[in-house]
Protein backbone atom coordinates (compact mmCIF):
# COMPACT_ATOMS: atom_id res chain seq x y z
CA UNK A 1 0.46 -18.85 -1.62
CA UNK A 2 -2.69 -17.86 -3.50
CA UNK A 3 -5.53 -20.26 -3.04
CA UNK A 4 -9.08 -20.45 -4.31
CA UNK A 5 -10.44 -21.52 -0.92
CA UNK A 6 -11.42 -19.61 2.22
CA UNK A 7 -9.46 -20.45 5.37
CA UNK A 8 -8.57 -18.78 8.66
CA UNK A 9 -5.21 -19.87 10.10
CA UNK A 10 -4.04 -20.07 13.69
CA UNK A 11 -2.23 -16.91 14.76
CA UNK A 12 1.56 -17.08 15.14
CA UNK A 13 3.07 -17.00 17.64
CA UNK A 14 0.45 -18.33 20.01
CA UNK A 15 0.54 -17.64 22.89
CA UNK A 16 2.04 -14.15 22.49
CA UNK A 17 2.74 -11.11 24.63
CA UNK A 18 3.44 -8.25 22.18
CA UNK A 19 2.44 -8.98 18.56
CA UNK A 20 0.96 -11.82 16.57
CA UNK A 21 0.22 -12.46 12.90
CA UNK A 22 -3.15 -13.75 11.69
CA UNK A 23 -3.13 -15.31 8.23
CA UNK A 24 -6.12 -16.17 6.08
CA UNK A 25 -7.05 -17.13 2.54
CA UNK A 26 -9.88 -15.47 0.65
CA UNK A 27 -11.50 -17.10 -2.37
CA UNK A 28 -11.94 -13.65 -3.96
CA UNK A 29 -10.93 -10.05 -3.28
CA UNK A 30 -13.43 -8.65 -0.80
CA UNK A 31 -14.13 -6.61 2.27
CA UNK A 32 -13.54 -8.62 5.44
CA UNK A 33 -14.04 -7.87 9.12
CA UNK A 34 -11.87 -9.36 11.84
CA UNK A 35 -13.37 -9.02 15.29
CA UNK A 36 -11.81 -9.89 18.63
CA UNK A 37 -13.82 -10.91 21.72
CA UNK A 38 -12.95 -11.91 25.27
CA UNK A 39 -14.36 -15.07 26.88
CA UNK A 40 -17.42 -13.09 28.05
CA UNK A 41 -18.23 -12.09 24.46
CA UNK A 42 -17.20 -8.45 24.93
CA UNK A 43 -15.97 -6.89 21.68
CA UNK A 44 -12.33 -5.80 22.11
CA UNK A 45 -11.74 -4.38 18.64
CA UNK A 46 -12.89 -4.74 15.06
CA UNK A 47 -10.80 -4.31 11.90
CA UNK A 48 -12.60 -3.82 8.58
CA UNK A 49 -10.54 -3.71 5.37
CA UNK A 50 -10.49 -4.71 1.74
CA UNK A 51 -8.26 -7.74 1.18
CA UNK A 52 -6.91 -9.45 -1.93
CA UNK A 53 -7.80 -12.90 -3.23
CA UNK A 54 -5.47 -15.54 -1.82
CA UNK A 55 -3.27 -15.30 1.25
CA UNK A 56 -3.43 -12.22 3.51
CA UNK A 57 -1.83 -11.39 6.86
CA UNK A 58 -2.77 -9.00 9.60
CA UNK A 59 -0.43 -7.99 12.44
CA UNK A 60 -2.18 -7.41 15.77
CA UNK A 61 -0.62 -6.07 18.96
CA UNK A 62 -1.65 -6.89 22.50
CA UNK A 63 -1.97 -3.12 23.08
CA UNK A 64 -4.71 -2.93 20.41
CA UNK A 65 -6.68 -5.65 22.18
CA UNK A 66 -6.02 -4.39 25.73
CA UNK A 67 -6.76 -7.82 27.18
CA UNK A 68 -5.08 -10.96 28.40
CA UNK A 69 -5.85 -14.65 28.50
CA UNK A 70 -8.09 -16.41 26.01
CA UNK A 71 -9.32 -14.26 23.09
CA UNK A 72 -11.55 -15.33 20.20
CA UNK A 73 -10.94 -13.90 16.74
CA UNK A 74 -13.42 -14.17 13.89
CA UNK A 75 -13.28 -13.27 10.22
CA UNK A 76 -16.46 -12.41 8.32
CA UNK A 77 -16.90 -11.86 4.60
CA UNK A 78 -20.10 -11.75 2.55
CA UNK A 79 -19.69 -15.48 1.89
CA UNK A 80 -17.78 -16.96 4.85
CA UNK A 81 -17.21 -16.89 8.60
CA UNK A 82 -14.52 -18.62 10.68
CA UNK A 83 -13.45 -18.38 14.31
CA UNK A 84 -10.27 -19.36 16.19
CA UNK A 85 -8.78 -18.48 19.56
CA UNK A 86 -5.49 -17.09 20.82
CA UNK A 87 -3.82 -16.55 24.17
CA UNK A 88 -2.30 -13.25 25.26
CA UNK A 89 0.30 -13.39 28.02
CA UNK A 90 1.10 -10.24 29.99
């Protein structure tokens, strides 16, 4: 559903072992960066793309992150930042 507000949703499924989906709303079409960090703050990967206004989804695989356990994911736009966490089971 399109929405005029910014929001980062919890990934689904969580925990996961192979793939997960991260959903988020953007208040306007813009470039956004999703970054993934382990509990020590080490950057695992960063995805930078242009996204549409409203609801967007991004599929992420555990292979891309090459990690397990608790992972923090953060979305940054020019106007907003939000952070959540996920659990990868191996």
